[in-house]
Structures are given as structure tokens and as C-alpha cells.
Amino acid sequence: MLASGVTVTRPISGPIRAQFARAGHNHHSKEGAAMKQATTRSSAIRAELGYPVVDADGHLYEFTPLFLEKLGEVGGRDMPQKYGEYLKATGSHPGWWHDMSWDERRDIRARRPAWWAYPTASVRDAATAALPSLAHERLATGELGMDFVVSYGMTSIPVMLIRDEELRRAAVRAINLTKAEQFRAEADRITPVASIPMHTPEEAIAELEYSVRELGFKSIVIPTTVLRPIPAVHRSHPDVFPEACWLDTYGVDSAYDYDPFWARCQELKVAVSAHSGTQPLLPMYGRSISNFSFNHIGNHAYHQGLLCKSILMGGVTRRFPRLNFAFMEGGVGWAAIMLNEILGTWRKRSVSGLGATDPYRLDRAGYAALMKQYGGRLTAGRPESDLAPHPTIVKPMKPENFDEWEALGVESEDELIQRFVGNFYFGVEADDAINAWAFDTRVNPYGVRLKAVLGSDIGHYDVPDMSKVVEEAYELLEHGLLGEADFRDLVFANAVRLHGGMNPVFFDGTAIEREARVVLDTKEAVAT
């Protein structure tokens, strides 16, 4: 149901078709015989679409006991204990906030963490998020109305932000080993992402190469930012990090040159998706000690927006025009606003636009004359120096600080827009009516369409019923906010372009290989 509260009743005609049965995977050799006719509205919608539905951002959990086993194998037998101590010390442990008094919470401004964040009303949904074989069954039978899931897991994301390098590298390697083993048998319908820490380009490249070349991952995730200490503050007060920090977003003003990492992603044919839990990245000045919902609202969009600006204005899409980026779980509304604001700012703050504010162009004598003519009592009897423009208006600028858009290397508005639209994809959730903005050629500059991809977010609290994801997404089409082609791009084709555009064989051997091949082989145009 959309936010308007309108319940849709559009009938679904035609038979409910059986979904794709896997071939060549012995683990599910009886899948076809076990299939039952799906009865959910999402399955009925899927049956009528004529193309698959791809979930570009699901959260199927890693099996914690297996992860801890891998962590011990990678880092030594003491590493699981070190990991547990880290969770308690950093507020990642469930009891951290709850065990404090209110005075203690106020004293350290302890942010209230997520609580009751995982669906429990349906035991089948709760188990689906934890068991790949059950998730596979529900995908294959058509019950969920989705055909293929890119899974971002649960532990996969926070381990990338661990500050202790030894623990971080061990935990990231262990979680990738866990996912590679846990989801191997379900590869025709579920693909997990490899977690790639970004504290240095060297660390990122090492895990990227191991994950793709040794473990066979086809997709990756990076954190939206890395927290770094502010040097002057850290020298005198090292204990205030990470509360006093700056956010490195790998492009503008980064501590490192990440071009070798971007280049390796392009060479290995993997799209760069970004996803972070918002809680660890909340600044001190914007957090609530009492209200998790306050802390959560808007923060995915905020951090994804920082990364998006940094990648664009840092010239990454100019230097790596074939590299796709996906900003997950923040929606697309912020991106539509940002594109308009970037274009408007470039018009006025590019080298050509700065002519309107060039202090050397100001007629100072004419300015003084107007001050005398219209100043009246405000300027009467004042010395000439008081009639001069405010110093900030006429302050000269050093040449090396003049062109803030130089890294983009664009000379026209069309070039600027293509740097944004051509490379960027945006993960959206099914119940967000603002998804329509991505495809609204009436308001987007030059009539472009942003490449939104459906991310179910199954496994998290905002999806209380996994079988309603497609049903909710479809309401945008039923209410006339999306056209048929828009909806197809949202739930299928854009996800194929995101990953298959980097790696043409990404979907080979999957349940949607044939349909994905049509999108990729025909090089279907995306209206931009």
C-alpha cells in the first residue's frame, strides 16, 4: 500500500505460470517436482510481467557459527574472542546501550542503536533470511514474485568498518569465505556480494582480487565512507577518535589515490556497490540517545550522497567511464535533487559561470556613486572607505583554488549529466513512492531517467512480509506513476545493466540467463 493509503484492486488476468526450474544443480535436483502453484499477489504479478524480477539488495544472513569458525581459521584461535570484545567495546553489542543508565547515555551521548530490527511475525520469513535453501525454494516456486537476489548479508557490512586492521582484515576474509561456502549451492538464484574494506587502496585490492579470482564472487560492496582521525586533533587528543573524525569518500580530498582500486574493479568486471549501516557513521551532533528511528531516517541517503558527490566531483567517472556504481538502500529522491543541484551549481560555479562573481569586474567607482545616491541617512557623512563593497565580495582568489570542477573535465551541461547518469545506479525499496522521480522526464534535467534498481531489503524490519515486496513495487505502475517500460527497468533491466554491463556473463548459469541475455545482447538503450 502506498503512503496515500489507497488499496489497489486491479485484477490480474491469465494463468499463474510455473517459475524457472534450475538445471544442472544436483543440490536441488528435485526442485521441479517439489514446486507448488504460487498463490501470493506478488507471484501473480510476476507471472503476468513476462520478464524476471531481480532483487538488487536483499539481506540473507551469514551463519554466525560458520563465520566464527572461519574467523578462527583465518586469524588464529583467539580471533573470535577478540571480535566479541570489539563488539562490546564499540557499542555494536546488543546490550551496550540497554545496560546503561540515562545519566551514562547522556554523559557519552550514546546513540540508541537498532532494536527489534528483524521480522519475527512470520517464522517462515525469519528462517528464509537465515537459510539459503529455503530462500532458494521460495524464489524457485514463485512465492515471492522474485527470481534472483543479490544478497548483502548482515555481518558483511559492519565488518568493513572495524578500525583495528588485524581484526578487520581477518573478519572480512572470514565473512567472504563464509558467504562463498554458504551460498554456493544456490548460485542460480542467489549471489552474495564480497565485502571489500576501503581503509587503503592496497587493502581493498588484496581482498577484491582474492574474492573475485579465488572465491568466485561476481559482485562486491564497499562502505560508503571510512572514518579517519583529524591530524591536529588526534595529535593532542587521540582518545576522541572516532567521535572527532572526518569522512573519507575515496574521491574529493581523499587521504589516498584510489584509482588503482577503481582500475582493478574495471579490469575484473565488477560493479562497485556501496552500502553501510548508518549507526556507526552518525556524527555526534546529529544523533539521538533515545530514538533509533530519529537516527535512522535520512541517513542512508546522506551518506550515499556524500559518496556520490565525491566520486563524481573527484573525476572518477571521467577516468573510469566503464565502471558502474550503485548506491544502495538510500532511495533515489536524494539523487534527483542532487543532480539538479549539481547542474545548477556548475552553471554558476564553473570557470565560465564565475564571471558573474569575479571581483575584478566590479565597477567600484560606480558602486560608490550608487551608495551616495541611494544611501541616504545610512551613508551620509561617512568616509569613502565605508562606501566600498564588503571585503568578502571583492577578495581575490589564488589561481590554484579557482576551478573546483577541474577533475570532471566537462565543458557542457550534457557532459556533466552523462558523468552522473551514465555510471550511477540507485537502490530503492518497494514501498517508496518517490521511486517515480527517477523516471520523471518532466522534472529531471534534460528529460533524463535515473537508473533505479529494486532492492527488497528482505531480512530487515522494513519488510515485515517478504511476499509483498513485488506487490508494493507494482503499485507505482497501477497508480500511473510509472509506465510499463519504467517498471521493467526498475525491477529487472537496470539490475541486469548494472552487473551484466560490467560482466556480460554475470547471469550465465542463473535462472534468468536467457532474459538477461536479451537485455545485454540487444544493448537496449536507456533513455538518458
Protein backbone atom coordinates (compact mmCIF):
# COMPACT_ATOMS: atom_id res chain seq x y z
CA MET A 1 0.00 0.00 0.00
CA LEU A 2 1.32 3.41 -0.94
CA ALA A 3 1.61 6.22 1.58
CA SER A 4 -1.71 7.58 0.37
CA GLY A 5 -3.39 4.60 1.99
CA VAL A 6 -5.11 3.63 -1.27
CA THR A 7 -5.61 -0.11 -1.62
CA VAL A 8 -5.29 -1.26 -5.23
CA THR A 9 -7.73 -3.77 -6.67
CA ARG A 10 -6.62 -4.02 -10.30
CA PRO A 11 -7.38 -7.60 -11.39
CA ILE A 12 -4.64 -9.91 -12.61
CA SER A 13 -5.75 -11.92 -15.63
CA GLY A 14 -4.25 -15.02 -17.19
CA PRO A 15 -2.71 -18.16 -15.72
CA ILE A 16 -0.11 -18.16 -12.98
CA ARG A 17 2.93 -19.68 -14.67
CA ALA A 18 5.40 -22.03 -13.06
CA GLN A 19 8.71 -20.32 -12.37
CA PHE A 20 12.09 -21.21 -13.76
CA ALA A 21 13.38 -24.60 -12.62
CA ARG A 22 17.10 -24.91 -12.17
CA ALA A 23 19.10 -27.29 -14.33
CA GLY A 24 22.49 -28.73 -13.58
CA HIS A 25 22.43 -28.19 -9.79
CA ASN A 26 22.21 -31.54 -8.03
CA HIS A 27 21.61 -29.94 -4.63
CA HIS A 28 18.11 -29.03 -5.84
CA SER A 29 17.56 -31.82 -8.37
CA LYS A 30 14.01 -32.41 -7.07
CA GLU A 31 13.09 -28.77 -7.26
CA GLY A 32 10.79 -29.12 -10.25
CA ALA A 33 8.78 -31.91 -8.67
CA ALA A 34 8.53 -30.04 -5.39
CA MET A 35 7.20 -26.84 -6.92
CA LYS A 36 3.74 -25.79 -5.93
CA GLN A 37 1.50 -23.25 -7.52
CA ALA A 38 2.28 -19.86 -6.02
CA THR A 39 -0.73 -18.06 -4.60
CA THR A 40 0.53 -14.65 -3.49
CA ARG A 41 -0.40 -11.46 -5.28
CA SER A 42 3.30 -10.87 -5.92
CA SER A 43 3.55 -14.24 -7.67
CA ALA A 44 0.51 -13.43 -9.78
CA ILE A 45 2.01 -10.09 -10.79
CA ARG A 46 5.30 -11.76 -11.66
CA ALA A 47 3.50 -14.35 -13.79
CA GLU A 48 1.92 -11.62 -15.88
CA LEU A 49 5.04 -9.49 -16.36
CA GLY A 50 6.77 -11.63 -18.96
CA TYR A 51 10.22 -10.91 -17.53
CA PRO A 52 12.06 -11.76 -14.30
CA VAL A 53 12.23 -9.67 -11.15
CA VAL A 54 15.70 -9.08 -9.73
CA ASP A 55 16.20 -8.10 -6.11
CA ALA A 56 19.34 -5.98 -6.25
CA ASP A 57 19.65 -5.62 -2.47
CA GLY A 58 18.38 -8.39 -0.23
CA HIS A 59 19.75 -9.29 3.19
CA LEU A 60 20.13 -13.03 3.67
CA TYR A 61 22.16 -13.57 6.79
CA GLU A 62 25.53 -15.21 7.15
CA PHE A 63 25.53 -18.22 9.50
CA THR A 64 27.33 -16.88 12.58
CA PRO A 65 28.78 -20.20 13.84
CA LEU A 66 30.34 -20.79 10.41
CA PHE A 67 31.68 -17.23 10.34
CA LEU A 68 33.32 -17.65 13.75
CA GLU A 69 34.87 -20.92 12.60
CA LYS A 70 36.30 -19.20 9.53
CA LEU A 71 37.48 -16.30 11.67
CA GLY A 72 39.47 -18.70 13.84
CA GLU A 73 40.93 -20.39 10.77
CA VAL A 74 41.97 -17.09 9.20
CA GLY A 75 43.15 -15.14 12.25
CA GLY A 76 44.00 -17.79 14.81
CA ARG A 77 42.04 -19.34 17.63
CA ASP A 78 41.97 -16.13 19.70
CA MET A 79 40.45 -14.02 16.92
CA PRO A 80 36.79 -14.91 17.60
CA GLN A 81 37.23 -13.76 21.20
CA LYS A 82 38.87 -10.55 20.01
CA TYR A 83 35.93 -10.00 17.70
CA GLY A 84 33.47 -10.43 20.57
CA GLU A 85 35.40 -7.95 22.69
CA TYR A 86 35.35 -5.48 19.81
CA LEU A 87 31.55 -5.71 19.58
CA LYS A 88 31.17 -4.92 23.27
CA ALA A 89 33.70 -2.08 23.26
CA THR A 90 32.29 -0.24 20.24
CA GLY A 91 28.60 -0.34 21.03
CA SER A 92 27.87 -3.00 18.42
CA HIS A 93 26.86 -5.48 21.10
CA PRO A 94 23.06 -5.60 21.66
CA GLY A 95 23.37 -4.94 25.39
CA TRP A 96 25.69 -1.93 25.13
CA TRP A 97 23.10 0.87 25.16
CA HIS A 98 20.45 -1.06 27.10
CA ASP A 99 22.77 -1.75 30.02
CA MET A 100 23.45 1.96 30.60
CA SER A 101 21.60 4.35 32.85
CA TRP A 102 20.20 7.52 31.33
CA ASP A 103 22.92 9.53 33.03
CA GLU A 104 25.55 7.32 31.38
CA ARG A 105 23.86 7.67 28.00
CA ARG A 106 23.79 11.45 28.31
CA ASP A 107 27.35 11.56 29.53
CA ILE A 108 28.81 9.97 26.39
CA ARG A 109 25.91 10.83 24.03
CA ALA A 110 25.40 7.12 23.37
CA ARG A 111 23.34 6.79 20.21
CA ARG A 112 20.37 4.49 20.52
CA PRO A 113 21.07 1.53 18.23
CA ALA A 114 18.64 -0.52 16.20
CA TRP A 115 16.29 -2.69 18.22
CA TRP A 116 13.67 -5.23 17.19
CA ALA A 117 15.11 -4.79 13.71
CA TYR A 118 14.38 -8.21 12.22
CA PRO A 119 10.98 -9.60 11.18
CA THR A 120 9.60 -12.25 13.53
CA ALA A 121 5.84 -12.33 12.93
CA SER A 122 6.32 -14.91 10.16
CA VAL A 123 8.54 -17.78 11.22
CA ARG A 124 8.93 -18.70 7.55
CA ASP A 125 10.27 -15.24 6.71
CA ALA A 126 12.58 -15.29 9.73
CA ALA A 127 14.01 -18.63 8.65
CA THR A 128 14.21 -17.59 4.99
CA ALA A 129 16.65 -14.82 5.85
CA ALA A 130 18.88 -17.35 7.60
CA LEU A 131 18.63 -20.41 5.33
CA PRO A 132 19.77 -20.17 1.69
CA SER A 133 17.99 -23.39 0.72
CA LEU A 134 14.64 -22.07 1.99
CA ALA A 135 15.18 -18.73 0.28
CA HIS A 136 16.00 -20.61 -2.92
CA GLU A 137 12.85 -22.70 -2.67
CA ARG A 138 10.62 -19.66 -2.24
CA LEU A 139 12.29 -17.94 -5.19
CA ALA A 140 12.01 -21.02 -7.39
CA THR A 141 8.35 -21.70 -6.63
CA GLY A 142 7.48 -18.11 -7.42
CA GLU A 143 6.02 -17.47 -3.98
CA LEU A 144 7.95 -14.21 -3.55
CA GLY A 145 7.43 -12.99 -7.10
CA MET A 146 11.20 -12.53 -7.42
CA ASP A 147 13.59 -14.65 -9.45
CA PHE A 148 17.09 -13.66 -8.40
CA VAL A 149 18.62 -11.98 -5.34
CA VAL A 150 21.88 -10.12 -4.82
CA SER A 151 22.44 -10.58 -1.09
CA TYR A 152 24.27 -8.05 1.09
CA GLY A 153 24.03 -10.13 4.23
CA MET A 154 24.06 -8.78 7.76
CA THR A 155 27.58 -9.09 9.21
CA SER A 156 29.08 -8.34 5.79
CA ILE A 157 28.63 -4.60 6.14
CA PRO A 158 29.82 -3.72 9.67
CA VAL A 159 33.00 -5.83 9.47
CA MET A 160 34.32 -3.47 6.79
CA LEU A 161 34.30 -0.61 9.33
CA ILE A 162 36.33 -2.31 12.08
CA ARG A 163 39.14 0.08 12.98
CA ASP A 164 41.68 -2.49 14.18
CA GLU A 165 43.45 -3.54 10.97
CA GLU A 166 44.34 -7.08 12.03
CA LEU A 167 40.80 -7.82 13.20
CA ARG A 168 39.20 -6.08 10.21
CA ARG A 169 41.21 -7.98 7.62
CA ALA A 170 40.61 -11.29 9.35
CA ALA A 171 36.88 -10.64 9.79
CA VAL A 172 36.41 -9.51 6.19
CA ARG A 173 38.26 -12.53 4.83
CA ALA A 174 36.27 -14.83 7.13
CA ILE A 175 32.92 -13.34 6.14
CA ASN A 176 33.75 -13.71 2.45
CA LEU A 177 34.79 -17.32 2.95
CA THR A 178 31.54 -17.88 4.84
CA LYS A 179 29.37 -16.44 2.07
CA ALA A 180 31.21 -18.29 -0.67
CA GLU A 181 30.55 -21.59 1.09
CA GLN A 182 27.08 -20.84 2.40
CA PHE A 183 25.51 -19.74 -0.90
CA ARG A 184 27.42 -21.92 -3.37
CA ALA A 185 24.60 -24.42 -3.95
CA GLU A 186 22.04 -21.67 -4.59
CA ALA A 187 24.08 -19.76 -7.18
CA ASP A 188 21.41 -19.93 -9.87
CA ARG A 189 19.10 -17.70 -7.83
CA ILE A 190 21.22 -16.04 -5.13
CA THR A 191 24.58 -14.33 -5.42
CA PRO A 192 26.25 -12.81 -2.36
CA VAL A 193 28.44 -9.72 -2.53
CA ALA A 194 32.06 -9.78 -1.38
CA SER A 195 32.87 -7.31 1.38
CA ILE A 196 35.75 -5.01 0.42
CA PRO A 197 37.31 -2.81 3.15
CA MET A 198 38.46 0.60 1.90
CA HIS A 199 40.88 1.85 4.56
CA THR A 200 43.67 1.82 1.95
CA PRO A 201 43.68 1.03 -1.78
CA GLU A 202 46.16 -1.78 -1.17
CA GLU A 203 43.90 -3.50 1.36
CA ALA A 204 40.91 -3.09 -0.94
CA ILE A 205 42.72 -4.52 -3.95
CA ALA A 206 44.01 -7.51 -2.00
CA GLU A 207 40.53 -8.52 -0.84
CA LEU A 208 39.00 -7.73 -4.23
CA GLU A 209 41.40 -9.98 -6.09
CA TYR A 210 41.06 -12.83 -3.59
CA SER A 211 37.27 -12.62 -3.57
CA VAL A 212 36.84 -12.50 -7.33
CA ARG A 213 39.70 -14.68 -8.53
CA GLU A 214 39.89 -17.25 -5.74
CA LEU A 215 36.37 -17.38 -4.31
CA GLY A 216 34.44 -16.64 -7.49
CA PHE A 217 32.44 -13.60 -6.36
CA LYS A 218 30.78 -11.62 -9.15
CA SER A 219 29.67 -8.63 -7.10
CA ILE A 220 31.18 -6.54 -4.31
CA VAL A 221 30.24 -3.99 -1.69
CA ILE A 222 32.32 -1.17 -0.22
CA PRO A 223 31.46 1.03 2.78
CA THR A 224 30.14 4.46 1.89
CA THR A 225 32.90 6.11 3.91
CA VAL A 226 35.93 5.42 6.06
CA LEU A 227 36.29 7.34 9.32
CA ARG A 228 39.71 8.97 9.67
CA PRO A 229 41.22 10.99 12.54
CA ILE A 230 41.71 14.74 12.15
CA PRO A 231 45.52 15.08 12.42
CA ALA A 232 45.71 18.20 14.60
CA VAL A 233 43.07 16.89 16.99
CA HIS A 234 44.49 13.39 17.02
CA ARG A 235 47.97 14.56 17.96
CA SER A 236 46.76 16.14 21.18
CA HIS A 237 43.63 14.07 21.90
CA PRO A 238 43.90 10.66 20.22
CA ASP A 239 41.22 9.27 22.52
CA VAL A 240 38.46 11.36 20.91
CA PHE A 241 38.64 9.39 17.65
CA PRO A 242 36.30 8.28 16.12
CA GLU A 243 33.92 10.82 17.66
CA ALA A 244 36.13 13.56 16.22
CA CYS A 245 36.81 12.45 12.66
CA TRP A 246 36.43 13.23 9.00
CA LEU A 247 34.76 11.02 6.42
CA ASP A 248 36.88 9.81 3.53
CA THR A 249 34.75 9.09 0.48
CA TYR A 250 37.56 8.00 -1.87
CA GLY A 251 37.28 10.89 -4.31
CA VAL A 252 37.39 14.56 -3.32
CA ASP A 253 40.10 15.25 -0.70
CA SER A 254 40.74 11.56 -0.08
CA ALA A 255 43.73 10.51 2.02
CA TYR A 256 44.77 8.11 -0.77
CA ASP A 257 44.67 7.76 -4.52
CA TYR A 258 42.03 5.09 -5.08
CA ASP A 259 42.46 4.99 -8.86
CA PRO A 260 44.37 1.67 -8.71
CA PHE A 261 41.37 0.12 -6.96
CA TRP A 262 38.85 1.54 -9.44
CA ALA A 263 41.04 0.31 -12.27
CA ARG A 264 41.18 -3.19 -10.82
CA CYS A 265 37.40 -3.26 -10.43
CA GLN A 266 37.05 -2.32 -14.08
CA GLU A 267 39.58 -4.98 -15.11
CA LEU A 268 37.87 -7.67 -13.03
CA LYS A 269 34.48 -6.59 -14.41
CA VAL A 270 32.72 -5.94 -11.12
CA ALA A 271 30.38 -3.05 -10.42
CA VAL A 272 31.10 -1.08 -7.26
CA SER A 273 28.13 -1.07 -4.93
CA ALA A 274 28.18 0.89 -1.68
CA HIS A 275 26.24 0.06 1.45
CA SER A 276 26.81 0.93 5.09
CA GLY A 277 24.80 0.72 8.24
CA THR A 278 24.10 4.30 9.26
CA GLN A 279 24.53 3.90 13.00
CA PRO A 280 28.35 3.71 13.22
CA LEU A 281 28.66 6.76 10.97
CA LEU A 282 26.34 9.11 12.83
CA PRO A 283 28.13 12.33 13.81
CA MET A 284 27.97 13.39 17.43
CA TYR A 285 25.95 16.50 16.58
CA GLY A 286 23.21 14.61 14.74
CA ARG A 287 22.44 11.65 16.95
CA SER A 288 19.71 10.84 19.41
CA ILE A 289 20.41 8.96 22.61
CA SER A 290 16.76 7.95 22.93
CA ASN A 291 15.31 7.41 19.47
CA PHE A 292 16.61 4.89 16.93
CA SER A 293 14.07 5.97 14.31
CA PHE A 294 15.40 9.53 14.51
CA ASN A 295 18.91 8.20 13.96
CA HIS A 296 17.89 6.06 11.02
CA ILE A 297 15.68 8.38 8.98
CA GLY A 298 17.56 10.02 6.10
CA ASN A 299 20.98 8.71 6.99
CA HIS A 300 21.38 6.18 4.18
CA ALA A 301 20.62 8.95 1.69
CA TYR A 302 23.00 11.34 3.46
CA HIS A 303 26.00 9.01 3.36
CA GLN A 304 25.28 7.76 -0.16
CA GLY A 305 25.02 11.37 -1.27
CA LEU A 306 28.46 12.16 0.15
CA LEU A 307 29.97 9.23 -1.72
CA CYS A 308 28.15 10.04 -4.95
CA LYS A 309 29.33 13.66 -4.95
CA SER A 310 32.86 12.59 -4.16
CA ILE A 311 33.03 10.03 -6.96
CA LEU A 312 31.57 12.48 -9.47
CA MET A 313 33.43 15.66 -8.49
CA GLY A 314 36.63 13.70 -7.93
CA GLY A 315 36.55 12.77 -11.61
CA VAL A 316 36.28 9.02 -11.06
CA THR A 317 33.59 8.55 -13.70
CA ARG A 318 35.70 10.56 -16.16
CA ARG A 319 38.77 8.39 -15.64
CA PHE A 320 36.80 5.13 -15.49
CA PRO A 321 33.85 5.61 -17.84
CA ARG A 322 33.05 1.87 -17.97
CA LEU A 323 32.80 1.44 -14.20
CA ASN A 324 29.29 1.20 -12.77
CA PHE A 325 28.48 2.40 -9.25
CA ALA A 326 25.42 1.50 -7.17
CA PHE A 327 24.33 3.43 -4.08
CA MET A 328 22.15 1.06 -2.08
CA GLU A 329 19.17 1.50 0.25
CA GLY A 330 19.08 5.29 0.20
CA GLY A 331 16.34 5.61 -2.40
CA VAL A 332 16.56 7.83 -5.45
CA GLY A 333 14.91 11.04 -4.27
CA TRP A 334 18.20 12.42 -2.98
CA ALA A 335 19.85 11.64 -6.32
CA ALA A 336 17.21 13.50 -8.31
CA ILE A 337 17.65 16.53 -6.06
CA MET A 338 21.44 16.24 -6.18
CA LEU A 339 21.57 16.08 -9.98
CA ASN A 340 19.52 19.27 -10.23
CA GLU A 341 21.65 20.99 -7.61
CA ILE A 342 24.92 19.86 -9.20
CA LEU A 343 23.81 21.18 -12.56
CA GLY A 344 22.62 24.48 -11.11
CA THR A 345 25.81 24.92 -9.09
CA TRP A 346 28.03 24.07 -12.08
CA ARG A 347 26.28 26.74 -14.13
CA LYS A 348 27.28 29.36 -11.59
CA ARG A 349 30.49 27.95 -10.07
CA SER A 350 32.30 26.57 -13.13
CA VAL A 351 35.05 28.74 -14.62
CA SER A 352 32.67 30.19 -17.19
CA GLY A 353 29.96 30.81 -14.60
CA LEU A 354 32.31 32.58 -12.18
CA GLY A 355 32.45 35.57 -14.48
CA ALA A 356 29.29 36.82 -12.80
CA THR A 357 31.04 37.00 -9.40
CA ASP A 358 34.56 37.96 -10.48
CA PRO A 359 35.59 40.75 -8.05
CA TYR A 360 37.83 42.31 -10.70
CA ARG A 361 34.76 43.02 -12.85
CA LEU A 362 33.09 45.19 -10.22
CA ASP A 363 32.92 48.89 -11.13
CA ARG A 364 33.99 50.23 -7.74
CA ALA A 365 33.56 53.89 -8.67
CA GLY A 366 30.06 53.19 -9.94
CA TYR A 367 29.31 51.22 -6.76
CA ALA A 368 30.43 54.15 -4.57
CA ALA A 369 28.33 56.56 -6.63
CA LEU A 370 25.21 54.46 -6.13
CA MET A 371 25.93 54.22 -2.41
CA LYS A 372 25.97 58.02 -2.22
CA GLN A 373 22.90 58.41 -4.41
CA TYR A 374 20.67 55.91 -2.62
CA GLY A 375 22.33 55.54 0.78
CA GLY A 376 20.51 58.46 2.34
CA ARG A 377 20.97 58.66 6.10
CA LEU A 378 22.72 55.28 6.05
CA THR A 379 25.77 56.65 4.22
CA ALA A 380 25.54 60.42 4.78
CA GLY A 381 28.76 61.91 6.14
CA ARG A 382 30.67 58.64 6.07
CA PRO A 383 34.20 58.38 4.65
CA GLU A 384 34.80 56.87 1.21
CA SER A 385 36.18 53.70 2.79
CA ASP A 386 32.78 52.95 4.32
CA LEU A 387 31.19 53.07 0.89
CA ALA A 388 33.37 50.31 -0.54
CA PRO A 389 31.96 46.80 -1.12
CA HIS A 390 32.22 44.32 1.73
CA PRO A 391 35.72 42.75 1.72
CA THR A 392 34.34 39.24 1.14
CA ILE A 393 32.76 40.39 -2.13
CA VAL A 394 36.00 41.63 -3.65
CA LYS A 395 38.54 39.25 -2.09
CA PRO A 396 40.86 37.88 -4.82
CA MET A 397 41.34 34.12 -5.23
CA LYS A 398 44.60 32.30 -5.74
CA PRO A 399 44.67 30.64 -9.19
CA GLU A 400 45.21 27.09 -7.81
CA ASN A 401 41.90 27.29 -5.95
CA PHE A 402 39.93 28.65 -8.85
CA ASP A 403 38.42 25.67 -10.72
CA GLU A 404 36.59 23.37 -8.33
CA TRP A 405 35.24 21.30 -11.25
CA GLU A 406 38.54 20.62 -12.97
CA ALA A 407 38.60 16.91 -12.10
CA LEU A 408 35.38 16.33 -14.04
CA GLY A 409 36.84 17.60 -17.29
CA VAL A 410 33.46 18.63 -18.66
CA GLU A 411 32.75 21.53 -20.98
CA SER A 412 28.98 21.29 -21.30
CA GLU A 413 25.89 20.53 -19.28
CA ASP A 414 25.28 17.41 -21.33
CA GLU A 415 28.74 16.05 -20.48
CA LEU A 416 28.16 16.76 -16.81
CA ILE A 417 24.82 14.97 -16.78
CA GLN A 418 26.25 11.94 -18.56
CA ARG A 419 29.01 11.62 -15.95
CA PHE A 420 26.20 11.21 -13.41
CA VAL A 421 23.51 9.34 -15.29
CA GLY A 422 25.77 7.06 -17.29
CA ASN A 423 27.56 5.38 -14.38
CA PHE A 424 25.28 5.60 -11.37
CA TYR A 425 22.55 3.25 -10.15
CA PHE A 426 20.36 3.80 -7.10
CA GLY A 427 18.93 1.13 -4.81
CA VAL A 428 15.29 1.80 -3.90
CA GLU A 429 12.76 -0.02 -1.75
CA ALA A 430 9.38 -1.22 -2.92
CA ASP A 431 7.16 0.98 -0.74
CA ASP A 432 8.77 4.30 -1.66
CA ALA A 433 6.54 6.41 -3.93
CA ILE A 434 9.48 8.75 -4.59
CA ASN A 435 10.89 5.99 -6.84
CA ALA A 436 8.81 7.60 -9.57
CA TRP A 437 11.13 10.61 -9.60
CA ALA A 438 13.84 8.51 -11.22
CA PHE A 439 11.75 8.15 -14.37
CA ASP A 440 10.02 11.53 -14.44
CA THR A 441 11.35 13.13 -17.61
CA ARG A 442 9.21 16.22 -16.98
CA VAL A 443 11.25 17.37 -13.99
CA ASN A 444 14.63 15.70 -14.35
CA PRO A 445 17.08 17.96 -16.23
CA TYR A 446 17.11 17.40 -19.98
CA GLY A 447 14.47 14.72 -19.51
CA VAL A 448 16.90 12.11 -18.19
CA ARG A 449 15.89 8.94 -16.37
CA LEU A 450 17.90 7.86 -13.35
CA LYS A 451 18.73 4.17 -13.11
CA ALA A 452 16.84 2.98 -10.06
CA VAL A 453 17.09 -0.69 -9.10
CA LEU A 454 14.69 -2.50 -6.80
CA GLY A 455 16.28 -3.59 -3.53
CA SER A 456 13.80 -5.53 -1.42
CA ASP A 457 15.67 -5.18 1.90
CA ILE A 458 14.26 -8.57 2.90
CA GLY A 459 15.69 -9.65 6.21
CA HIS A 460 15.23 -6.21 7.78
CA TYR A 461 12.40 -4.74 9.82
CA ASP A 462 11.01 -2.65 6.98
CA VAL A 463 9.92 -5.81 5.14
CA PRO A 464 7.50 -7.50 7.55
CA ASP A 465 6.19 -9.76 4.76
CA MET A 466 8.60 -10.95 2.06
CA SER A 467 5.75 -11.96 -0.23
CA LYS A 468 4.52 -8.36 -0.55
CA VAL A 469 7.66 -6.73 -1.97
CA VAL A 470 6.71 -7.05 -5.64
CA GLU A 471 3.09 -6.23 -4.84
CA GLU A 472 4.14 -2.95 -3.21
CA ALA A 473 6.54 -2.04 -6.01
CA TYR A 474 3.80 -2.66 -8.58
CA GLU A 475 1.52 -0.03 -7.04
CA LEU A 476 3.57 2.69 -8.73
CA LEU A 477 2.55 1.23 -12.08
CA GLU A 478 -1.07 0.74 -11.03
CA HIS A 479 -1.36 4.33 -9.86
CA GLY A 480 0.11 5.65 -13.09
CA LEU A 481 3.30 6.96 -11.52
CA LEU A 482 5.41 4.65 -13.67
CA GLY A 483 4.98 3.41 -17.22
CA GLU A 484 5.38 -0.22 -18.28
CA ALA A 485 8.92 0.36 -19.55
CA ASP A 486 9.84 2.24 -16.38
CA PHE A 487 8.67 -0.63 -14.19
CA ARG A 488 10.59 -3.18 -16.25
CA ASP A 489 13.75 -1.12 -15.84
CA LEU A 490 13.13 -0.76 -12.11
CA VAL A 491 12.63 -4.42 -11.27
CA PHE A 492 14.70 -6.12 -13.96
CA ALA A 493 16.61 -4.42 -16.76
CA ASN A 494 18.54 -1.85 -14.73
CA ALA A 495 19.89 -4.54 -12.40
CA VAL A 496 20.99 -6.53 -15.44
CA ARG A 497 22.74 -3.47 -16.84
CA LEU A 498 24.37 -2.69 -13.50
CA HIS A 499 26.08 -6.06 -13.20
CA GLY A 500 25.87 -7.50 -16.71
CA GLY A 501 27.05 -4.24 -18.22
CA MET A 502 30.32 -4.82 -16.39
CA ASN A 503 30.44 -8.60 -16.81
CA PRO A 504 28.47 -9.96 -19.79
CA VAL A 505 28.46 -13.49 -18.30
CA PHE A 506 27.28 -12.37 -14.86
CA PHE A 507 23.92 -14.08 -15.27
CA ASP A 508 25.14 -17.14 -17.16
CA GLY A 509 24.06 -20.29 -15.37
CA THR A 510 21.35 -18.48 -13.44
CA ALA A 511 17.61 -18.89 -13.62
CA ILE A 512 17.33 -15.64 -15.59
CA GLU A 513 20.18 -16.22 -18.05
CA ARG A 514 18.00 -16.16 -21.16
CA GLU A 515 16.11 -12.98 -20.29
CA ALA A 516 19.26 -11.19 -19.13
CA ARG A 517 20.98 -12.12 -22.36
CA VAL A 518 18.25 -10.37 -24.33
CA VAL A 519 18.90 -7.14 -22.43
CA LEU A 520 22.68 -7.37 -22.84
CA ASP A 521 22.91 -8.70 -26.40
CA THR A 522 20.49 -6.19 -27.85
CA LYS A 523 22.19 -3.39 -25.92
CA GLU A 524 18.80 -1.99 -25.05
CA ALA A 525 19.02 1.77 -24.94
CA VAL A 526 18.35 3.53 -21.66
CA ALA A 527 16.70 6.91 -22.23
CA THR A 528 19.04 9.46 -20.73
